[in-house]
């Protein structure tokens, strides 16, 4: 019963991100983003690449898997950082665009 409660408490809400680690938090095993009630995005480091999977148990989405090399991952992270900084700047200016 306790494990079932733990699983229920660990379920993501839409828009939340979950990071799974090992080795006392030093190794990232996966990062999951819940886009909606049935679509999950999973990022999983695997050697020198990052595996990227979009999954929906109701639809065959096997064609939405890919691997991301470190240069592409760097560009993606920088773009996310720039977008985050733009959101912060818009917030402080009181704008939405």
Protein backbone atom coordinates (compact mmCIF):
# COMPACT_ATOMS: atom_id res chain seq x y z
CA UNK A 1 0.00 0.00 0.00
CA UNK A 2 2.79 2.45 0.84
CA UNK A 3 4.39 2.02 -2.58
CA UNK A 4 1.07 2.75 -4.29
CA UNK A 5 0.71 5.97 -2.28
CA UNK A 6 4.25 6.94 -3.21
CA UNK A 7 3.51 6.40 -6.89
CA UNK A 8 0.33 8.46 -6.67
CA UNK A 9 2.18 11.29 -4.94
CA UNK A 10 4.95 11.25 -7.58
CA UNK A 11 2.61 11.68 -10.56
CA UNK A 12 3.28 14.80 -12.56
CA UNK A 13 0.76 17.52 -13.09
CA UNK A 14 0.50 19.13 -16.52
CA UNK A 15 3.46 21.44 -17.06
CA UNK A 16 5.59 19.92 -14.32
CA UNK A 17 9.09 18.54 -14.79
CA UNK A 18 10.51 15.53 -12.97
CA UNK A 19 14.21 14.76 -12.78
CA UNK A 20 15.30 11.21 -11.91
CA UNK A 21 18.85 10.87 -10.64
CA UNK A 22 21.16 8.21 -9.29
CA UNK A 23 24.56 8.14 -7.59
CA UNK A 24 23.35 10.45 -4.80
CA UNK A 25 21.95 12.94 -7.31
CA UNK A 26 25.19 13.22 -9.29
CA UNK A 27 23.94 11.39 -12.39
CA UNK A 28 20.80 12.43 -14.29
CA UNK A 29 18.95 9.34 -15.50
CA UNK A 30 16.02 11.13 -17.09
CA UNK A 31 14.03 14.35 -17.26
CA UNK A 32 10.29 14.15 -17.93
CA UNK A 33 7.91 16.96 -18.90
CA UNK A 34 4.16 16.34 -18.89
CA UNK A 35 2.68 18.35 -21.78
CA UNK A 36 -0.93 17.30 -21.17
CA UNK A 37 -2.78 14.48 -19.44
CA UNK A 38 -1.55 11.92 -21.96
CA UNK A 39 1.59 13.32 -23.65
CA UNK A 40 4.99 13.05 -21.99
CA UNK A 41 8.38 14.26 -23.19
CA UNK A 42 11.35 12.26 -21.93
CA UNK A 43 15.00 13.33 -22.14
CA UNK A 44 17.52 10.63 -21.19
CA UNK A 45 21.31 11.00 -21.36
CA UNK A 46 22.92 8.00 -23.04
CA UNK A 47 26.67 8.23 -23.43
CA UNK A 48 27.49 11.30 -25.51
CA UNK A 49 23.91 11.86 -26.77
CA UNK A 50 20.54 12.73 -25.31
CA UNK A 51 17.61 10.50 -26.20
CA UNK A 52 14.42 12.49 -26.81
CA UNK A 53 11.04 10.74 -26.80
CA UNK A 54 7.50 12.06 -27.06
CA UNK A 55 5.00 9.49 -25.88
CA UNK A 56 1.24 9.16 -25.79
CA UNK A 57 -0.19 5.78 -24.79
CA UNK A 58 -3.27 6.42 -26.96
CA UNK A 59 -1.41 7.08 -30.23
CA UNK A 60 1.58 5.43 -31.94
CA UNK A 61 4.18 8.19 -31.73
CA UNK A 62 7.27 6.07 -32.38
CA UNK A 63 8.32 8.47 -35.13
CA UNK A 64 8.80 11.20 -32.51
CA UNK A 65 11.97 9.68 -31.07
CA UNK A 66 15.40 11.09 -31.84
CA UNK A 67 18.87 11.52 -30.44
CA UNK A 68 20.37 14.94 -29.79
CA UNK A 69 24.12 15.51 -30.01
CA UNK A 70 25.92 17.87 -27.66
CA UNK A 71 26.04 20.79 -30.11
CA UNK A 72 22.29 20.63 -30.71
CA UNK A 73 21.66 20.22 -26.98
CA UNK A 74 23.83 23.29 -26.31
CA UNK A 75 21.84 25.32 -28.85
CA UNK A 76 18.56 24.11 -27.34
CA UNK A 77 19.63 25.00 -23.79
CA UNK A 78 20.86 28.45 -24.87
CA UNK A 79 17.57 29.06 -26.70
CA UNK A 80 15.58 28.02 -23.62
CA UNK A 81 17.77 30.28 -21.47
CA UNK A 82 17.26 33.21 -23.85
CA UNK A 83 13.49 32.59 -23.90
CA UNK A 84 13.46 32.44 -20.10
CA UNK A 85 15.38 35.73 -19.89
CA UNK A 86 12.90 37.31 -22.34
CA UNK A 87 9.99 36.19 -20.15
CA UNK A 88 11.68 37.70 -17.09
CA UNK A 89 12.33 40.95 -18.99
CA UNK A 90 8.71 41.09 -20.20
CA UNK A 91 7.49 40.46 -16.66
CA UNK A 92 9.53 43.34 -15.27
CA UNK A 93 8.31 45.62 -18.08
CA UNK A 94 4.73 44.49 -17.57
CA UNK A 95 4.33 43.26 -21.16
CA UNK A 96 3.08 39.95 -22.51
CA UNK A 97 4.78 39.93 -25.91
